[in-house]
Amino acid sequence: KLEVVVADSQLERAMEAITTAARTGKIGDGKIFVTTVEQVVRIRTGES
C-alpha cells in the first residue's frame, strides 16, 4: 500500500505514473484511491 500526497496539479500525472508502472495486465494489479487532503503541516519547520 503506497500513500502519497500531491498538489492538485500533479494528481493526473501521479495516477498515470502509478497505473503505468504497476500494470501487469493480469488480475490482482491493484487499485488507486484518491481523497481530498484539507491540511498538511511539516512538523520540523511548521510549514503548512
All heavy atoms as atom14 arrays in JSON, in Angstrom:
{
  "sequence": "KLEVVVADSQLERAMEAITTAARTGKIGDGKIFVTTVEQVVRIRTGES",
  "atom14_mask": [
    [1, 1, 1, 1, 1, 1, 1, 1, 1, 0, 0, 0, 0, 0],
    [1, 1, 1, 1, 1, 1, 1, 1, 0, 0, 0, 0, 0, 0],
    [1, 1, 1, 1, 1, 1, 1, 1, 1, 0, 0, 0, 0, 0],
    [1, 1, 1, 1, 1, 1, 1, 0, 0, 0, 0, 0, 0, 0],
    [1, 1, 1, 1, 1, 1, 1, 0, 0, 0, 0, 0, 0, 0],
    [1, 1, 1, 1, 1, 1, 1, 0, 0, 0, 0, 0, 0, 0],
    [1, 1, 1, 1, 1, 0, 0, 0, 0, 0, 0, 0, 0, 0],
    [1, 1, 1, 1, 1, 1, 1, 1, 0, 0, 0, 0, 0, 0],
    [1, 1, 1, 1, 1, 1, 0, 0, 0, 0, 0, 0, 0, 0],
    [1, 1, 1, 1, 1, 1, 1, 1, 1, 0, 0, 0, 0, 0],
    [1, 1, 1, 1, 1, 1, 1, 1, 0, 0, 0, 0, 0, 0],
    [1, 1, 1, 1, 1, 1, 1, 1, 1, 0, 0, 0, 0, 0],
    [1, 1, 1, 1, 1, 1, 1, 1, 1, 1, 1, 0, 0, 0],
    [1, 1, 1, 1, 1, 0, 0, 0, 0, 0, 0, 0, 0, 0],
    [1, 1, 1, 1, 1, 1, 1, 1, 0, 0, 0, 0, 0, 0],
    [1, 1, 1, 1, 1, 1, 1, 1, 1, 0, 0, 0, 0, 0],
    [1, 1, 1, 1, 1, 0, 0, 0, 0, 0, 0, 0, 0, 0],
    [1, 1, 1, 1, 1, 1, 1, 1, 0, 0, 0, 0, 0, 0],
    [1, 1, 1, 1, 1, 1, 1, 0, 0, 0, 0, 0, 0, 0],
    [1, 1, 1, 1, 1, 1, 1, 0, 0, 0, 0, 0, 0, 0],
    [1, 1, 1, 1, 1, 0, 0, 0, 0, 0, 0, 0, 0, 0],
    [1, 1, 1, 1, 1, 0, 0, 0, 0, 0, 0, 0, 0, 0],
    [1, 1, 1, 1, 1, 1, 1, 1, 1, 1, 1, 0, 0, 0],
    [1, 1, 1, 1, 1, 1, 1, 0, 0, 0, 0, 0, 0, 0],
    [1, 1, 1, 1, 0, 0, 0, 0, 0, 0, 0, 0, 0, 0],
    [1, 1, 1, 1, 1, 1, 1, 1, 1, 0, 0, 0, 0, 0],
    [1, 1, 1, 1, 1, 1, 1, 1, 0, 0, 0, 0, 0, 0],
    [1, 1, 1, 1, 0, 0, 0, 0, 0, 0, 0, 0, 0, 0],
    [1, 1, 1, 1, 1, 1, 1, 1, 0, 0, 0, 0, 0, 0],
    [1, 1, 1, 1, 0, 0, 0, 0, 0, 0, 0, 0, 0, 0],
    [1, 1, 1, 1, 1, 1, 1, 1, 1, 0, 0, 0, 0, 0],
    [1, 1, 1, 1, 1, 1, 1, 1, 0, 0, 0, 0, 0, 0],
    [1, 1, 1, 1, 1, 1, 1, 1, 1, 1, 1, 0, 0, 0],
    [1, 1, 1, 1, 1, 1, 1, 0, 0, 0, 0, 0, 0, 0],
    [1, 1, 1, 1, 1, 1, 1, 0, 0, 0, 0, 0, 0, 0],
    [1, 1, 1, 1, 1, 1, 1, 0, 0, 0, 0, 0, 0, 0],
    [1, 1, 1, 1, 1, 1, 1, 0, 0, 0, 0, 0, 0, 0],
    [1, 1, 1, 1, 1, 1, 1, 1, 1, 0, 0, 0, 0, 0],
    [1, 1, 1, 1, 1, 1, 1, 1, 1, 0, 0, 0, 0, 0],
    [1, 1, 1, 1, 1, 1, 1, 0, 0, 0, 0, 0, 0, 0],
    [1, 1, 1, 1, 1, 1, 1, 0, 0, 0, 0, 0, 0, 0],
    [1, 1, 1, 1, 1, 1, 1, 1, 1, 1, 1, 0, 0, 0],
    [1, 1, 1, 1, 1, 1, 1, 1, 0, 0, 0, 0, 0, 0],
    [1, 1, 1, 1, 1, 1, 1, 1, 1, 1, 1, 0, 0, 0],
    [1, 1, 1, 1, 1, 1, 1, 0, 0, 0, 0, 0, 0, 0],
    [1, 1, 1, 1, 0, 0, 0, 0, 0, 0, 0, 0, 0, 0],
    [1, 1, 1, 1, 1, 1, 1, 1, 1, 0, 0, 0, 0, 0],
    [1, 1, 1, 1, 1, 1, 0, 0, 0, 0, 0, 0, 0, 0]
  ],
  "atom14_positions": [
    [[0.86, -1.18, 0.0], [0.0, 0.0, 0.0], [0.9, 1.23, 0.0], [1.72, 1.4, 0.9], [-0.89, 0.01, 1.23], [-1.78, 1.23, 1.33], [-2.63, 1.14, 2.58], [-3.48, 2.37, 2.77], [-4.26, 2.31, 4.02], [0.0, 0.0, 0.0], [0.0, 0.0, 0.0], [0.0, 0.0, 0.0], [0.0, 0.0, 0.0], [0.0, 0.0, 0.0]],
    [[0.75, 2.05, -1.03], [1.51, 3.29, -1.13], [0.6, 4.45, -0.8], [-0.55, 4.48, -1.25], [2.02, 3.5, -2.56], [3.2, 2.7, -3.04], [2.78, 1.28, -3.3], [3.75, 3.32, -4.27], [0.0, 0.0, 0.0], [0.0, 0.0, 0.0], [0.0, 0.0, 0.0], [0.0, 0.0, 0.0], [0.0, 0.0, 0.0], [0.0, 0.0, 0.0]],
    [[1.1, 5.39, -0.04], [0.36, 6.61, 0.26], [1.23, 7.79, -0.11], [2.39, 7.86, 0.28], [0.0, 6.67, 1.74], [-0.93, 5.54, 2.18], [-1.16, 5.55, 3.67], [-2.07, 6.29, 4.12], [-0.44, 4.83, 4.37], [0.0, 0.0, 0.0], [0.0, 0.0, 0.0], [0.0, 0.0, 0.0], [0.0, 0.0, 0.0], [0.0, 0.0, 0.0]],
    [[0.66, 8.7, -0.87], [1.4, 9.89, -1.29], [0.43, 11.06, -1.38], [-0.72, 10.9, -1.79], [2.13, 9.65, -2.64], [1.17, 9.31, -3.74], [2.99, 10.82, -3.02], [0.0, 0.0, 0.0], [0.0, 0.0, 0.0], [0.0, 0.0, 0.0], [0.0, 0.0, 0.0], [0.0, 0.0, 0.0], [0.0, 0.0, 0.0], [0.0, 0.0, 0.0]],
    [[0.88, 12.23, -0.93], [0.06, 13.44, -1.02], [0.69, 14.33, -2.09], [1.9, 14.57, -2.08], [0.0, 14.18, 0.33], [-0.78, 15.48, 0.2], [-0.66, 13.28, 1.39], [0.0, 0.0, 0.0], [0.0, 0.0, 0.0], [0.0, 0.0, 0.0], [0.0, 0.0, 0.0], [0.0, 0.0, 0.0], [0.0, 0.0, 0.0], [0.0, 0.0, 0.0]],
    [[-0.15, 14.76, -3.03], [0.33, 15.58, -4.14], [-0.53, 16.83, -4.28], [-1.68, 16.86, -3.82], [0.32, 14.79, -5.48], [1.27, 13.61, -5.42], [-1.07, 14.35, -5.85], [0.0, 0.0, 0.0], [0.0, 0.0, 0.0], [0.0, 0.0, 0.0], [0.0, 0.0, 0.0], [0.0, 0.0, 0.0], [0.0, 0.0, 0.0], [0.0, 0.0, 0.0]],
    [[0.03, 17.85, -4.93], [-0.75, 19.03, -5.28], [-1.79, 18.63, -6.33], [-1.59, 17.68, -7.09], [0.18, 20.11, -5.83], [0.0, 0.0, 0.0], [0.0, 0.0, 0.0], [0.0, 0.0, 0.0], [0.0, 0.0, 0.0], [0.0, 0.0, 0.0], [0.0, 0.0, 0.0], [0.0, 0.0, 0.0], [0.0, 0.0, 0.0], [0.0, 0.0, 0.0]],
    [[-2.89, 19.36, -6.37], [-3.95, 19.05, -7.33], [-3.41, 19.0, -8.76], [-3.83, 18.17, -9.56], [-5.07, 20.09, -7.25], [-5.86, 19.98, -5.95], [-5.75, 18.95, -5.27], [-6.59, 20.94, -5.62], [0.0, 0.0, 0.0], [0.0, 0.0, 0.0], [0.0, 0.0, 0.0], [0.0, 0.0, 0.0], [0.0, 0.0, 0.0], [0.0, 0.0, 0.0]],
    [[-2.44, 19.86, -9.06], [-1.88, 19.92, -10.42], [-1.07, 18.66, -10.77], [-0.86, 18.37, -11.95], [-1.01, 21.16, -10.57], [0.07, 21.12, -9.64], [0.0, 0.0, 0.0], [0.0, 0.0, 0.0], [0.0, 0.0, 0.0], [0.0, 0.0, 0.0], [0.0, 0.0, 0.0], [0.0, 0.0, 0.0], [0.0, 0.0, 0.0], [0.0, 0.0, 0.0]],
    [[-0.62, 17.91, -9.78], [0.17, 16.7, -10.02], [-0.66, 15.42, -10.03], [-0.15, 14.36, -10.37], [1.23, 16.52, -8.93], [2.49, 17.32, -9.1], [3.53, 16.87, -8.08], [3.25, 16.84, -6.88], [4.71, 16.54, -8.54], [0.0, 0.0, 0.0], [0.0, 0.0, 0.0], [0.0, 0.0, 0.0], [0.0, 0.0, 0.0], [0.0, 0.0, 0.0]],
    [[-1.93, 15.52, -9.68], [-2.75, 14.33, -9.47], [-2.82, 13.43, -10.7], [-2.52, 12.23, -10.6], [-4.17, 14.73, -9.04], [-5.13, 13.56, -8.86], [-4.66, 12.64, -7.74], [-6.54, 14.06, -8.6], [0.0, 0.0, 0.0], [0.0, 0.0, 0.0], [0.0, 0.0, 0.0], [0.0, 0.0, 0.0], [0.0, 0.0, 0.0], [0.0, 0.0, 0.0]],
    [[-3.17, 13.96, -11.84], [-3.33, 13.12, -13.04], [-2.02, 12.46, -13.44], [-1.99, 11.28, -13.8], [-3.91, 13.94, -14.2], [-5.34, 14.38, -13.98], [-6.3, 13.23, -13.73], [-6.17, 12.17, -14.39], [-7.19, 13.37, -12.88], [0.0, 0.0, 0.0], [0.0, 0.0, 0.0], [0.0, 0.0, 0.0], [0.0, 0.0, 0.0], [0.0, 0.0, 0.0]],
    [[-0.92, 13.21, -13.39], [0.39, 12.63, -13.74], [0.79, 11.54, -12.76], [1.34, 10.51, -13.16], [1.45, 13.73, -13.78], [1.31, 14.63, -14.98], [2.46, 15.58, -15.16], [3.38, 15.63, -14.03], [4.07, 16.68, -13.66], [3.98, 17.79, -14.34], [4.87, 16.65, -12.63], [0.0, 0.0, 0.0], [0.0, 0.0, 0.0], [0.0, 0.0, 0.0]],
    [[0.51, 11.74, -11.47], [0.86, 10.74, -10.47], [0.03, 9.47, -10.66], [0.57, 8.36, -10.59], [0.66, 11.3, -9.06], [0.0, 0.0, 0.0], [0.0, 0.0, 0.0], [0.0, 0.0, 0.0], [0.0, 0.0, 0.0], [0.0, 0.0, 0.0], [0.0, 0.0, 0.0], [0.0, 0.0, 0.0], [0.0, 0.0, 0.0], [0.0, 0.0, 0.0]],
    [[-1.24, 9.62, -10.93], [-2.09, 8.46, -11.15], [-1.66, 7.7, -12.41], [-1.63, 6.47, -12.41], [-3.56, 8.88, -11.26], [-4.15, 9.31, -9.94], [-5.84, 9.89, -10.05], [-6.65, 8.53, -10.84], [0.0, 0.0, 0.0], [0.0, 0.0, 0.0], [0.0, 0.0, 0.0], [0.0, 0.0, 0.0], [0.0, 0.0, 0.0], [0.0, 0.0, 0.0]],
    [[-1.32, 8.42, -13.44], [-0.85, 7.78, -14.68], [0.47, 7.05, -14.44], [0.68, 5.93, -14.94], [-0.69, 8.83, -15.78], [-0.22, 8.27, -17.1], [-1.2, 7.3, -17.74], [-2.41, 7.44, -17.53], [-0.73, 6.38, -18.45], [0.0, 0.0, 0.0], [0.0, 0.0, 0.0], [0.0, 0.0, 0.0], [0.0, 0.0, 0.0], [0.0, 0.0, 0.0]],
    [[1.37, 7.66, -13.68], [2.67, 7.04, -13.38], [2.46, 5.73, -12.61], [3.09, 4.71, -12.93], [3.55, 8.0, -12.59], [0.0, 0.0, 0.0], [0.0, 0.0, 0.0], [0.0, 0.0, 0.0], [0.0, 0.0, 0.0], [0.0, 0.0, 0.0], [0.0, 0.0, 0.0], [0.0, 0.0, 0.0], [0.0, 0.0, 0.0], [0.0, 0.0, 0.0]],
    [[1.59, 5.75, -11.61], [1.33, 4.55, -10.83], [0.69, 3.48, -11.7], [1.11, 2.32, -11.69], [0.43, 4.86, -9.61], [1.16, 5.77, -8.63], [-0.02, 3.57, -8.93], [0.27, 6.37, -7.56], [0.0, 0.0, 0.0], [0.0, 0.0, 0.0], [0.0, 0.0, 0.0], [0.0, 0.0, 0.0], [0.0, 0.0, 0.0], [0.0, 0.0, 0.0]],
    [[-0.31, 3.86, -12.46], [-1.03, 2.9, -13.3], [-0.1, 2.25, -14.31], [-0.09, 1.02, -14.47], [-2.19, 3.6, -14.04], [-3.06, 4.19, -13.08], [-2.97, 2.62, -14.89], [0.0, 0.0, 0.0], [0.0, 0.0, 0.0], [0.0, 0.0, 0.0], [0.0, 0.0, 0.0], [0.0, 0.0, 0.0], [0.0, 0.0, 0.0], [0.0, 0.0, 0.0]],
    [[0.71, 3.04, -14.98], [1.62, 2.5, -16.0], [2.68, 1.59, -15.38], [2.95, 0.51, -15.9], [2.3, 3.66, -16.75], [1.28, 4.48, -17.35], [3.22, 3.15, -17.83], [0.0, 0.0, 0.0], [0.0, 0.0, 0.0], [0.0, 0.0, 0.0], [0.0, 0.0, 0.0], [0.0, 0.0, 0.0], [0.0, 0.0, 0.0], [0.0, 0.0, 0.0]],
    [[3.26, 2.01, -14.26], [4.33, 1.23, -13.64], [3.83, -0.04, -12.96], [4.54, -1.03, -12.91], [5.09, 2.09, -12.64], [0.0, 0.0, 0.0], [0.0, 0.0, 0.0], [0.0, 0.0, 0.0], [0.0, 0.0, 0.0], [0.0, 0.0, 0.0], [0.0, 0.0, 0.0], [0.0, 0.0, 0.0], [0.0, 0.0, 0.0], [0.0, 0.0, 0.0]],
    [[2.61, -0.02, -12.43], [2.1, -1.16, -11.67], [1.37, -2.19, -12.52], [1.14, -3.3, -12.08], [1.18, -0.67, -10.56], [0.0, 0.0, 0.0], [0.0, 0.0, 0.0], [0.0, 0.0, 0.0], [0.0, 0.0, 0.0], [0.0, 0.0, 0.0], [0.0, 0.0, 0.0], [0.0, 0.0, 0.0], [0.0, 0.0, 0.0], [0.0, 0.0, 0.0]],
    [[1.02, -1.83, -13.74], [0.2, -2.72, -14.58], [1.0, -3.92, -15.09], [2.08, -3.77, -15.64], [-0.35, -1.95, -15.77], [-1.23, -2.82, -16.68], [-1.79, -2.04, -17.85], [-2.81, -1.13, -17.35], [-2.91, 0.14, -17.74], [-2.06, 0.65, -18.6], [-3.88, 0.89, -17.25], [0.0, 0.0, 0.0], [0.0, 0.0, 0.0], [0.0, 0.0, 0.0]],
    [[0.42, -5.11, -14.89], [0.96, -6.33, -15.49], [-0.02, -6.87, -16.52], [0.33, -7.71, -17.33], [1.2, -7.44, -14.44], [-0.06, -7.86, -13.91], [2.12, -6.99, -13.34], [0.0, 0.0, 0.0], [0.0, 0.0, 0.0], [0.0, 0.0, 0.0], [0.0, 0.0, 0.0], [0.0, 0.0, 0.0], [0.0, 0.0, 0.0], [0.0, 0.0, 0.0]],
    [[-1.27, -6.41, -16.44], [-2.31, -6.9, -17.34], [-3.0, -8.13, -16.82], [-3.88, -8.69, -17.47], [0.0, 0.0, 0.0], [0.0, 0.0, 0.0], [0.0, 0.0, 0.0], [0.0, 0.0, 0.0], [0.0, 0.0, 0.0], [0.0, 0.0, 0.0], [0.0, 0.0, 0.0], [0.0, 0.0, 0.0], [0.0, 0.0, 0.0], [0.0, 0.0, 0.0]],
    [[-2.63, -8.56, -15.62], [-3.22, -9.76, -15.03], [-4.07, -9.36, -13.83], [-3.9, -8.29, -13.25], [-2.13, -10.74, -14.6], [-1.33, -11.24, -15.79], [-0.3, -12.25, -15.36], [0.41, -12.75, -16.62], [1.82, -12.91, -16.45], [0.0, 0.0, 0.0], [0.0, 0.0, 0.0], [0.0, 0.0, 0.0], [0.0, 0.0, 0.0], [0.0, 0.0, 0.0]],
    [[-4.95, -10.27, -13.44], [-5.81, -10.0, -12.29], [-4.96, -9.76, -11.05], [-3.9, -10.36, -10.88], [-6.8, -11.17, -12.09], [-7.89, -10.78, -11.1], [-6.09, -12.42, -11.65], [-9.09, -11.7, -11.11], [0.0, 0.0, 0.0], [0.0, 0.0, 0.0], [0.0, 0.0, 0.0], [0.0, 0.0, 0.0], [0.0, 0.0, 0.0], [0.0, 0.0, 0.0]],
    [[-5.4, -8.81, -10.21], [-4.68, -8.51, -8.98], [-3.69, -7.37, -9.09], [-2.89, -7.17, -8.18], [0.0, 0.0, 0.0], [0.0, 0.0, 0.0], [0.0, 0.0, 0.0], [0.0, 0.0, 0.0], [0.0, 0.0, 0.0], [0.0, 0.0, 0.0], [0.0, 0.0, 0.0], [0.0, 0.0, 0.0], [0.0, 0.0, 0.0], [0.0, 0.0, 0.0]],
    [[-3.73, -6.61, -10.18], [-2.81, -5.48, -10.34], [-3.03, -4.41, -9.28], [-2.11, -3.68, -8.95], [-2.93, -4.86, -11.72], [-2.08, -5.58, -12.76], [-1.27, -6.45, -12.37], [-2.22, -5.26, -13.95], [0.0, 0.0, 0.0], [0.0, 0.0, 0.0], [0.0, 0.0, 0.0], [0.0, 0.0, 0.0], [0.0, 0.0, 0.0], [0.0, 0.0, 0.0]],
    [[-4.24, -4.28, -8.75], [-4.47, -3.36, -7.65], [-5.49, -2.29, -7.93], [-6.22, -2.34, -8.92], [0.0, 0.0, 0.0], [0.0, 0.0, 0.0], [0.0, 0.0, 0.0], [0.0, 0.0, 0.0], [0.0, 0.0, 0.0], [0.0, 0.0, 0.0], [0.0, 0.0, 0.0], [0.0, 0.0, 0.0], [0.0, 0.0, 0.0], [0.0, 0.0, 0.0]],
    [[-5.52, -1.31, -7.05], [-6.47, -0.21, -7.12], [-5.79, 1.08, -6.69], [-4.8, 1.07, -5.97], [-7.64, -0.44, -6.16], [-8.53, -1.62, -6.45], [-9.82, -1.15, -7.07], [-10.88, -2.2, -7.19], [-10.55, -3.51, -7.57], [0.0, 0.0, 0.0], [0.0, 0.0, 0.0], [0.0, 0.0, 0.0], [0.0, 0.0, 0.0], [0.0, 0.0, 0.0]],
    [[-6.37, 2.21, -7.12], [-5.92, 3.53, -6.69], [-7.13, 4.25, -6.1], [-8.2, 4.28, -6.72], [-5.35, 4.36, -7.86], [-4.11, 3.68, -8.43], [-5.04, 5.78, -7.41], [-3.55, 4.37, -9.67], [0.0, 0.0, 0.0], [0.0, 0.0, 0.0], [0.0, 0.0, 0.0], [0.0, 0.0, 0.0], [0.0, 0.0, 0.0], [0.0, 0.0, 0.0]],
    [[-6.95, 4.81, -4.91], [-8.0, 5.59, -4.26], [-7.49, 7.01, -4.07], [-6.35, 7.21, -3.67], [-8.34, 5.0, -2.88], [-8.72, 3.55, -2.92], [-7.77, 2.57, -2.66], [-10.0, 3.16, -3.24], [-8.1, 1.23, -2.7], [-10.34, 1.81, -3.29], [-9.39, 0.85, -3.01], [0.0, 0.0, 0.0], [0.0, 0.0, 0.0], [0.0, 0.0, 0.0]],
    [[-8.34, 8.0, -4.35], [-7.95, 9.4, -4.21], [-8.92, 10.09, -3.26], [-10.14, 9.99, -3.41], [-7.97, 10.12, -5.58], [-7.6, 11.59, -5.42], [-7.03, 9.44, -6.56], [0.0, 0.0, 0.0], [0.0, 0.0, 0.0], [0.0, 0.0, 0.0], [0.0, 0.0, 0.0], [0.0, 0.0, 0.0], [0.0, 0.0, 0.0], [0.0, 0.0, 0.0]],
    [[-8.36, 10.78, -2.27], [-9.17, 11.56, -1.34], [-8.6, 12.97, -1.23], [-7.43, 13.21, -1.53], [-9.18, 10.91, 0.07], [-7.84, 10.72, 0.51], [-9.89, 9.56, 0.05], [0.0, 0.0, 0.0], [0.0, 0.0, 0.0], [0.0, 0.0, 0.0], [0.0, 0.0, 0.0], [0.0, 0.0, 0.0], [0.0, 0.0, 0.0], [0.0, 0.0, 0.0]],
    [[-9.43, 13.87, -0.77], [-9.01, 15.26, -0.6], [-8.33, 15.43, 0.75], [-8.79, 14.91, 1.76], [-10.23, 16.19, -0.69], [-10.83, 16.02, -1.97], [-9.84, 17.65, -0.51], [0.0, 0.0, 0.0], [0.0, 0.0, 0.0], [0.0, 0.0, 0.0], [0.0, 0.0, 0.0], [0.0, 0.0, 0.0], [0.0, 0.0, 0.0], [0.0, 0.0, 0.0]],
    [[-7.22, 16.18, 0.75], [-6.5, 16.49, 1.98], [-6.72, 17.97, 2.27], [-6.43, 18.82, 1.44], [-4.98, 16.2, 1.82], [-4.21, 16.67, 3.05], [-4.74, 14.73, 1.56], [0.0, 0.0, 0.0], [0.0, 0.0, 0.0], [0.0, 0.0, 0.0], [0.0, 0.0, 0.0], [0.0, 0.0, 0.0], [0.0, 0.0, 0.0], [0.0, 0.0, 0.0]],
    [[-7.24, 18.25, 3.45], [-7.56, 19.63, 3.78], [-6.36, 20.43, 4.27], [-6.26, 21.62, 4.0], [-8.67, 19.67, 4.82], [-9.98, 19.14, 4.25], [-11.15, 19.42, 5.16], [-11.08, 20.36, 5.97], [-12.13, 18.69, 5.03], [0.0, 0.0, 0.0], [0.0, 0.0, 0.0], [0.0, 0.0, 0.0], [0.0, 0.0, 0.0], [0.0, 0.0, 0.0]],
    [[-5.44, 19.76, 4.98], [-4.31, 20.5, 5.53], [-3.12, 19.55, 5.73], [-3.3, 18.39, 6.08], [-4.69, 21.14, 6.88], [-3.62, 22.01, 7.49], [-3.27, 23.22, 6.65], [-2.48, 23.11, 5.72], [-3.85, 24.35, 6.96], [0.0, 0.0, 0.0], [0.0, 0.0, 0.0], [0.0, 0.0, 0.0], [0.0, 0.0, 0.0], [0.0, 0.0, 0.0]],
    [[-1.93, 20.09, 5.51], [-0.69, 19.37, 5.76], [0.23, 20.3, 6.53], [0.34, 21.48, 6.2], [0.01, 18.95, 4.43], [1.35, 18.29, 4.72], [-0.87, 18.04, 3.62], [0.0, 0.0, 0.0], [0.0, 0.0, 0.0], [0.0, 0.0, 0.0], [0.0, 0.0, 0.0], [0.0, 0.0, 0.0], [0.0, 0.0, 0.0], [0.0, 0.0, 0.0]],
    [[0.89, 19.77, 7.56], [1.85, 20.57, 8.33], [3.14, 19.76, 8.45], [3.12, 18.6, 8.84], [1.31, 20.9, 9.73], [2.37, 21.63, 10.55], [0.04, 21.71, 9.65], [0.0, 0.0, 0.0], [0.0, 0.0, 0.0], [0.0, 0.0, 0.0], [0.0, 0.0, 0.0], [0.0, 0.0, 0.0], [0.0, 0.0, 0.0], [0.0, 0.0, 0.0]],
    [[4.25, 20.38, 8.06], [5.55, 19.75, 8.28], [5.95, 20.03, 9.72], [6.11, 21.19, 10.11], [6.6, 20.3, 7.31], [7.97, 19.68, 7.54], [8.98, 20.06, 6.48], [8.66, 19.32, 5.26], [8.66, 19.84, 4.05], [8.98, 21.11, 3.88], [8.38, 19.1, 3.01], [0.0, 0.0, 0.0], [0.0, 0.0, 0.0], [0.0, 0.0, 0.0]],
    [[6.1, 19.0, 10.5], [6.34, 19.15, 11.94], [7.64, 19.89, 12.22], [7.69, 20.78, 13.07], [6.33, 17.77, 12.63], [4.93, 17.16, 12.52], [6.78, 17.87, 14.07], [4.83, 15.73, 12.97], [0.0, 0.0, 0.0], [0.0, 0.0, 0.0], [0.0, 0.0, 0.0], [0.0, 0.0, 0.0], [0.0, 0.0, 0.0], [0.0, 0.0, 0.0]],
    [[8.72, 19.54, 11.51], [10.03, 20.14, 11.79], [10.05, 21.65, 11.62], [10.57, 22.37, 12.47], [11.09, 19.51, 10.87], [12.49, 20.07, 11.06], [13.51, 19.38, 10.17], [13.17, 19.43, 8.76], [13.49, 20.43, 7.92], [14.19, 21.46, 8.37], [13.16, 20.39, 6.65], [0.0, 0.0, 0.0], [0.0, 0.0, 0.0], [0.0, 0.0, 0.0]],
    [[9.45, 22.16, 10.53], [9.55, 23.59, 10.22], [8.29, 24.38, 10.49], [8.32, 25.61, 10.53], [9.9, 23.8, 8.74], [8.84, 23.26, 7.95], [11.21, 23.13, 8.38], [0.0, 0.0, 0.0], [0.0, 0.0, 0.0], [0.0, 0.0, 0.0], [0.0, 0.0, 0.0], [0.0, 0.0, 0.0], [0.0, 0.0, 0.0], [0.0, 0.0, 0.0]],
    [[7.17, 23.69, 10.63], [5.9, 24.38, 10.83], [5.25, 24.82, 9.52], [4.2, 25.45, 9.54], [0.0, 0.0, 0.0], [0.0, 0.0, 0.0], [0.0, 0.0, 0.0], [0.0, 0.0, 0.0], [0.0, 0.0, 0.0], [0.0, 0.0, 0.0], [0.0, 0.0, 0.0], [0.0, 0.0, 0.0], [0.0, 0.0, 0.0], [0.0, 0.0, 0.0]],
    [[5.9, 24.54, 8.38], [5.3, 24.88, 7.08], [3.97, 24.18, 6.93], [3.78, 23.08, 7.44], [6.2, 24.44, 5.92], [7.51, 25.18, 5.83], [8.42, 24.54, 4.78], [8.85, 23.39, 5.02], [8.66, 25.2, 3.75], [0.0, 0.0, 0.0], [0.0, 0.0, 0.0], [0.0, 0.0, 0.0], [0.0, 0.0, 0.0], [0.0, 0.0, 0.0]],
    [[3.05, 24.82, 6.21], [1.75, 24.19, 6.01], [1.31, 24.34, 4.56], [1.9, 25.08, 3.79], [0.71, 24.8, 6.95], [0.53, 26.16, 6.66], [0.0, 0.0, 0.0], [0.0, 0.0, 0.0], [0.0, 0.0, 0.0], [0.0, 0.0, 0.0], [0.0, 0.0, 0.0], [0.0, 0.0, 0.0], [0.0, 0.0, 0.0], [0.0, 0.0, 0.0]]
  ]
}
